[in-house]
Amino acid sequence: MTLHLTHEQLCDVILADSSLPREGTSTIVQDHLHACLHCSAELESLRASLALFREASTAYAGQQFVRSCMQRGSIAPPQHLLTQPLYWAAAAVLLVAASFPLNLYRQQQHRPVPAATAVVTPHTTESDEALLEDVDQTLSADVPSPMEPLADPTASSTSADSTTYQRKN
């Protein structure tokens, strides 16, 4: 009764690079494969299965790639979306939103642009001088008008009492 190679040993043979022989165990495994018809048939069956799987997976990946390219080639939405009212409502909103800036641009083109006048009237010169005088008076005042004390509403009833409660700074 001879011992056959294990599954791990057969996988190691398949994964091993045939151009670089391994030390020790490789020669023992190779000698066993040459001597045992059962193990060599098992190894060939595994290699054939892997080759078929590689070909099938590559062909399937190629088919899926072509199918996805064909579906993505069109920018039109799928047919089931064209029948939905929400899709049409969104399209109408987008059209209105896109046309809004164009309408504003057209309205701006039709408006007449007022010409800038460089003529200074004597009235504005007088009002400028009055403003400057008002600013000068405000700056030269000791206490600005908003900070002046308010009139006492009770001053008419008791004038002596109002002086005692007034605050002095």
C-alpha atoms as a PDB file:
ATOM      1  CA  MET A   1       0.000   0.000   0.000  1.00  0.00           C
ATOM      2  CA  THR A   2       1.510   3.328  -1.108  1.00  0.00           C
ATOM      3  CA  LEU A   3       0.633   6.702   0.287  1.00  0.00           C
ATOM      4  CA  HIS A   4      -0.664   9.271  -2.156  1.00  0.00           C
ATOM      5  CA  LEU A   5      -0.022  13.008  -2.153  1.00  0.00           C
ATOM      6  CA  THR A   6      -2.308  15.192  -0.080  1.00  0.00           C
ATOM      7  CA  HIS A   7      -4.394  18.020  -1.475  1.00  0.00           C
ATOM      8  CA  GLU A   8      -1.964  20.589  -0.045  1.00  0.00           C
ATOM      9  CA  GLN A   9       0.991  18.892  -1.701  1.00  0.00           C
ATOM     10  CA  LEU A  10      -0.808  18.837  -5.071  1.00  0.00           C
ATOM     11  CA  CYS A  11      -1.675  22.553  -4.695  1.00  0.00           C
ATOM     12  CA  ASP A  12       1.955  23.298  -3.881  1.00  0.00           C
ATOM     13  CA  VAL A  13       3.003  21.536  -7.069  1.00  0.00           C
ATOM     14  CA  ILE A  14       0.514  23.554  -9.122  1.00  0.00           C
ATOM     15  CA  LEU A  15       1.527  26.861  -7.530  1.00  0.00           C
ATOM     16  CA  ALA A  16       5.263  26.124  -7.625  1.00  0.00           C
ATOM     17  CA  ASP A  17       7.335  27.636 -10.381  1.00  0.00           C
ATOM     18  CA  SER A  18       8.527  24.753 -12.533  1.00  0.00           C
ATOM     19  CA  SER A  19      11.643  26.633 -13.644  1.00  0.00           C
ATOM     20  CA  LEU A  20      13.023  26.804 -10.093  1.00  0.00           C
ATOM     21  CA  PRO A  21      13.189  23.408  -8.419  1.00  0.00           C
ATOM     22  CA  ARG A  22      12.667  23.438  -4.650  1.00  0.00           C
ATOM     23  CA  GLU A  23      14.929  21.834  -2.133  1.00  0.00           C
ATOM     24  CA  GLY A  24      14.334  18.387  -0.680  1.00  0.00           C
ATOM     25  CA  THR A  25      10.569  17.890  -0.795  1.00  0.00           C
ATOM     26  CA  SER A  26      10.253  18.928  -4.431  1.00  0.00           C
ATOM     27  CA  THR A  27      12.343  16.031  -5.649  1.00  0.00           C
ATOM     28  CA  ILE A  28      10.448  13.595  -3.431  1.00  0.00           C
ATOM     29  CA  VAL A  29       7.085  14.874  -4.720  1.00  0.00           C
ATOM     30  CA  GLN A  30       8.296  14.860  -8.329  1.00  0.00           C
ATOM     31  CA  ASP A  31       9.576  11.292  -7.961  1.00  0.00           C
ATOM     32  CA  HIS A  32       6.247  10.234  -6.460  1.00  0.00           C
ATOM     33  CA  LEU A  33       4.323  11.860  -9.332  1.00  0.00           C
ATOM     34  CA  HIS A  34       6.419   9.948 -11.859  1.00  0.00           C
ATOM     35  CA  ALA A  35       5.861   6.665 -10.026  1.00  0.00           C
ATOM     36  CA  CYS A  36       2.158   7.027  -9.027  1.00  0.00           C
ATOM     37  CA  LEU A  37      -0.379   7.130 -11.836  1.00  0.00           C
ATOM     38  CA  HIS A  38      -3.205   8.047  -9.485  1.00  0.00           C
ATOM     39  CA  CYS A  39      -1.479  11.200  -8.144  1.00  0.00           C
ATOM     40  CA  SER A  40      -0.287  12.308 -11.590  1.00  0.00           C
ATOM     41  CA  ALA A  41      -3.846  11.874 -12.958  1.00  0.00           C
ATOM     42  CA  GLU A  42      -5.183  13.897  -9.990  1.00  0.00           C
ATOM     43  CA  LEU A  43      -2.627  16.655 -10.712  1.00  0.00           C
ATOM     44  CA  GLU A  44      -3.569  16.783 -14.402  1.00  0.00           C
ATOM     45  CA  SER A  45      -7.265  16.910 -13.502  1.00  0.00           C
ATOM     46  CA  LEU A  46      -6.623  19.876 -11.173  1.00  0.00           C
ATOM     47  CA  ARG A  47      -4.594  21.687 -13.840  1.00  0.00           C
ATOM     48  CA  ALA A  48      -7.299  21.130 -16.464  1.00  0.00           C
ATOM     49  CA  SER A  49     -10.012  22.320 -14.060  1.00  0.00           C
ATOM     50  CA  LEU A  50      -8.062  25.480 -13.266  1.00  0.00           C
ATOM     51  CA  ALA A  51      -7.444  26.178 -16.936  1.00  0.00           C
ATOM     52  CA  LEU A  52     -11.158  25.773 -17.745  1.00  0.00           C
ATOM     53  CA  PHE A  53     -12.101  27.992 -14.807  1.00  0.00           C
ATOM     54  CA  ARG A  54      -9.652  30.677 -15.959  1.00  0.00           C
ATOM     55  CA  GLU A  55     -11.073  30.612 -19.491  1.00  0.00           C
ATOM     56  CA  ALA A  56     -14.691  30.693 -18.277  1.00  0.00           C
ATOM     57  CA  SER A  57     -14.129  33.536 -15.827  1.00  0.00           C
ATOM     58  CA  THR A  58     -12.256  35.609 -18.414  1.00  0.00           C
ATOM     59  CA  ALA A  59     -15.005  35.062 -20.989  1.00  0.00           C
ATOM     60  CA  TYR A  60     -17.727  35.957 -18.475  1.00  0.00           C
ATOM     61  CA  ALA A  61     -15.881  39.112 -17.394  1.00  0.00           C
ATOM     62  CA  GLY A  62     -15.519  40.153 -21.042  1.00  0.00           C
ATOM     63  CA  GLN A  63     -19.242  39.644 -21.671  1.00  0.00           C
ATOM     64  CA  GLN A  64     -20.187  41.660 -18.596  1.00  0.00           C
ATOM     65  CA  PHE A  65     -17.833  44.461 -19.578  1.00  0.00           C
ATOM     66  CA  VAL A  66     -19.343  44.677 -23.069  1.00  0.00           C
ATOM     67  CA  ARG A  67     -22.860  44.619 -21.621  1.00  0.00           C
ATOM     68  CA  SER A  68     -22.085  47.407 -19.136  1.00  0.00           C
ATOM     69  CA  CYS A  69     -20.479  49.513 -21.885  1.00  0.00           C
ATOM     70  CA  MET A  70     -23.536  49.084 -24.079  1.00  0.00           C
ATOM     71  CA  GLN A  71     -25.877  50.133 -21.267  1.00  0.00           C
ATOM     72  CA  ARG A  72     -23.779  53.154 -20.287  1.00  0.00           C
ATOM     73  CA  GLY A  73     -23.241  54.237 -23.869  1.00  0.00           C
ATOM     74  CA  SER A  74     -26.565  56.077 -23.965  1.00  0.00           C
ATOM     75  CA  ILE A  75     -27.222  59.109 -21.786  1.00  0.00           C
ATOM     76  CA  ALA A  76     -30.963  58.612 -22.023  1.00  0.00           C
ATOM     77  CA  PRO A  77     -32.608  57.327 -18.856  1.00  0.00           C
ATOM     78  CA  PRO A  78     -34.064  53.818 -18.779  1.00  0.00           C
ATOM     79  CA  GLN A  79     -37.516  53.370 -20.290  1.00  0.00           C
ATOM     80  CA  HIS A  80     -39.287  52.823 -16.971  1.00  0.00           C
ATOM     81  CA  LEU A  81     -38.241  56.316 -15.818  1.00  0.00           C
ATOM     82  CA  LEU A  82     -39.859  58.001 -18.805  1.00  0.00           C
ATOM     83  CA  THR A  83     -43.315  56.960 -17.670  1.00  0.00           C
ATOM     84  CA  GLN A  84     -43.043  58.350 -14.145  1.00  0.00           C
ATOM     85  CA  PRO A  85     -44.680  61.747 -13.494  1.00  0.00           C
ATOM     86  CA  LEU A  86     -42.018  62.707 -10.959  1.00  0.00           C
ATOM     87  CA  TYR A  87     -39.407  62.519 -13.694  1.00  0.00           C
ATOM     88  CA  TRP A  88     -41.416  64.890 -15.884  1.00  0.00           C
ATOM     89  CA  ALA A  89     -42.035  67.303 -13.010  1.00  0.00           C
ATOM     90  CA  ALA A  90     -38.321  67.442 -12.235  1.00  0.00           C
ATOM     91  CA  ALA A  91     -37.535  68.069 -15.899  1.00  0.00           C
ATOM     92  CA  ALA A  92     -40.043  70.952 -16.004  1.00  0.00           C
ATOM     93  CA  VAL A  93     -38.557  72.511 -12.861  1.00  0.00           C
ATOM     94  CA  LEU A  94     -35.090  72.311 -14.369  1.00  0.00           C
ATOM     95  CA  LEU A  95     -36.261  74.004 -17.565  1.00  0.00           C
ATOM     96  CA  VAL A  96     -37.899  76.851 -15.647  1.00  0.00           C
ATOM     97  CA  ALA A  97     -34.849  77.282 -13.435  1.00  0.00           C
ATOM     98  CA  ALA A  98     -32.552  77.353 -16.472  1.00  0.00           C
ATOM     99  CA  SER A  99     -34.669  79.929 -18.294  1.00  0.00           C
ATOM    100  CA  PHE A 100     -34.926  82.296 -15.310  1.00  0.00           C
ATOM    101  CA  PRO A 101     -31.386  83.767 -15.615  1.00  0.00           C
ATOM    102  CA  LEU A 102     -31.885  84.207 -19.353  1.00  0.00           C
ATOM    103  CA  ASN A 103     -35.055  86.245 -18.788  1.00  0.00           C
ATOM    104  CA  LEU A 104     -33.261  88.452 -16.260  1.00  0.00           C
ATOM    105  CA  TYR A 105     -30.446  89.040 -18.721  1.00  0.00           C
ATOM    106  CA  ARG A 106     -32.897  90.070 -21.463  1.00  0.00           C
ATOM    107  CA  GLN A 107     -34.700  92.468 -19.120  1.00  0.00           C
ATOM    108  CA  GLN A 108     -31.414  94.145 -18.191  1.00  0.00           C
ATOM    109  CA  GLN A 109     -30.553  94.689 -21.845  1.00  0.00           C
ATOM    110  CA  HIS A 110     -33.860  96.475 -22.547  1.00  0.00           C
ATOM    111  CA  ARG A 111     -33.558  98.938 -19.636  1.00  0.00           C
ATOM    112  CA  PRO A 112     -32.038 102.311 -20.520  1.00  0.00           C
ATOM    113  CA  VAL A 113     -28.917 103.121 -18.552  1.00  0.00           C
ATOM    114  CA  PRO A 114     -29.114 106.603 -16.958  1.00  0.00           C
ATOM    115  CA  ALA A 115     -26.256 108.851 -17.961  1.00  0.00           C
ATOM    116  CA  ALA A 116     -24.074 110.114 -15.133  1.00  0.00           C
ATOM    117  CA  THR A 117     -24.214 113.902 -14.793  1.00  0.00           C
ATOM    118  CA  ALA A 118     -21.149 115.850 -13.797  1.00  0.00           C
ATOM    119  CA  VAL A 119     -22.917 119.205 -13.505  1.00  0.00           C
ATOM    120  CA  VAL A 120     -23.029 120.508  -9.954  1.00  0.00           C
ATOM    121  CA  THR A 121     -25.968 122.726  -9.195  1.00  0.00           C
ATOM    122  CA  PRO A 122     -25.619 125.700  -6.842  1.00  0.00           C
ATOM    123  CA  HIS A 123     -28.258 124.216  -4.543  1.00  0.00           C
ATOM    124  CA  THR A 124     -26.080 121.167  -3.753  1.00  0.00           C
ATOM    125  CA  THR A 125     -23.110 123.422  -3.091  1.00  0.00           C
ATOM    126  CA  GLU A 126     -25.132 125.395  -0.551  1.00  0.00           C
ATOM    127  CA  SER A 127     -26.386 122.231   1.150  1.00  0.00           C
ATOM    128  CA  ASP A 128     -22.815 120.913   1.325  1.00  0.00           C
ATOM    129  CA  GLU A 129     -21.679 124.093   3.044  1.00  0.00           C
ATOM    130  CA  ALA A 130     -24.597 123.869   5.471  1.00  0.00           C
ATOM    131  CA  LEU A 131     -23.693 120.277   6.322  1.00  0.00           C
ATOM    132  CA  LEU A 132     -20.074 121.209   6.929  1.00  0.00           C
ATOM    133  CA  GLU A 133     -21.107 124.048   9.239  1.00  0.00           C
ATOM    134  CA  ASP A 134     -23.412 121.694  11.169  1.00  0.00           C
ATOM    135  CA  VAL A 135     -20.586 119.187  11.586  1.00  0.00           C
ATOM    136  CA  ASP A 136     -18.250 121.945  12.803  1.00  0.00           C
ATOM    137  CA  GLN A 137     -20.816 123.126  15.360  1.00  0.00           C
ATOM    138  CA  THR A 138     -21.412 119.603  16.595  1.00  0.00           C
ATOM    139  CA  LEU A 139     -17.705 118.939  17.023  1.00  0.00           C
ATOM    140  CA  SER A 140     -17.040 122.234  18.796  1.00  0.00           C
ATOM    141  CA  ALA A 141     -19.837 121.742  21.352  1.00  0.00           C
ATOM    142  CA  ASP A 142     -18.723 120.644  24.832  1.00  0.00           C
ATOM    143  CA  VAL A 143     -21.529 118.138  25.360  1.00  0.00           C
ATOM    144  CA  PRO A 144     -23.246 116.608  22.357  1.00  0.00           C
ATOM    145  CA  SER A 145     -26.991 117.137  22.236  1.00  0.00           C
ATOM    146  CA  PRO A 146     -27.893 113.463  22.796  1.00  0.00           C
ATOM    147  CA  MET A 147     -25.946 113.541  26.074  1.00  0.00           C
ATOM    148  CA  GLU A 148     -27.511 116.736  27.471  1.00  0.00           C
ATOM    149  CA  PRO A 149     -29.713 116.231  30.551  1.00  0.00           C
ATOM    150  CA  LEU A 150     -33.432 115.867  30.009  1.00  0.00           C
ATOM    151  CA  ALA A 151     -35.913 118.377  31.331  1.00  0.00           C
ATOM    152  CA  ASP A 152     -37.434 117.418  34.687  1.00  0.00           C
ATOM    153  CA  PRO A 153     -41.228 116.888  34.318  1.00  0.00           C
ATOM    154  CA  THR A 154     -41.794 117.524  38.067  1.00  0.00           C
ATOM    155  CA  ALA A 155     -39.928 120.841  38.112  1.00  0.00           C
ATOM    156  CA  SER A 156     -43.145 122.906  38.140  1.00  0.00           C
ATOM    157  CA  SER A 157     -44.521 121.302  41.352  1.00  0.00           C
ATOM    158  CA  THR A 158     -41.496 121.391  43.626  1.00  0.00           C
ATOM    159  CA  SER A 159     -38.500 123.302  42.433  1.00  0.00           C
ATOM    160  CA  ALA A 160     -36.541 122.913  45.680  1.00  0.00           C
ATOM    161  CA  ASP A 161     -36.875 119.124  45.737  1.00  0.00           C
ATOM    162  CA  SER A 162     -35.764 118.763  42.156  1.00  0.00           C
ATOM    163  CA  THR A 163     -32.391 120.312  42.846  1.00  0.00           C
ATOM    164  CA  THR A 164     -31.650 117.888  45.681  1.00  0.00           C
ATOM    165  CA  TYR A 165     -32.258 114.811  43.536  1.00  0.00           C
ATOM    166  CA  GLN A 166     -30.312 115.967  40.496  1.00  0.00           C
ATOM    167  CA  ARG A 167     -27.116 114.135  39.846  1.00  0.00           C
ATOM    168  CA  LYS A 168     -23.899 116.064  39.617  1.00  0.00           C
ATOM    169  CA  ASN A 169     -20.921 114.847  37.667  1.00  0.00           C
END
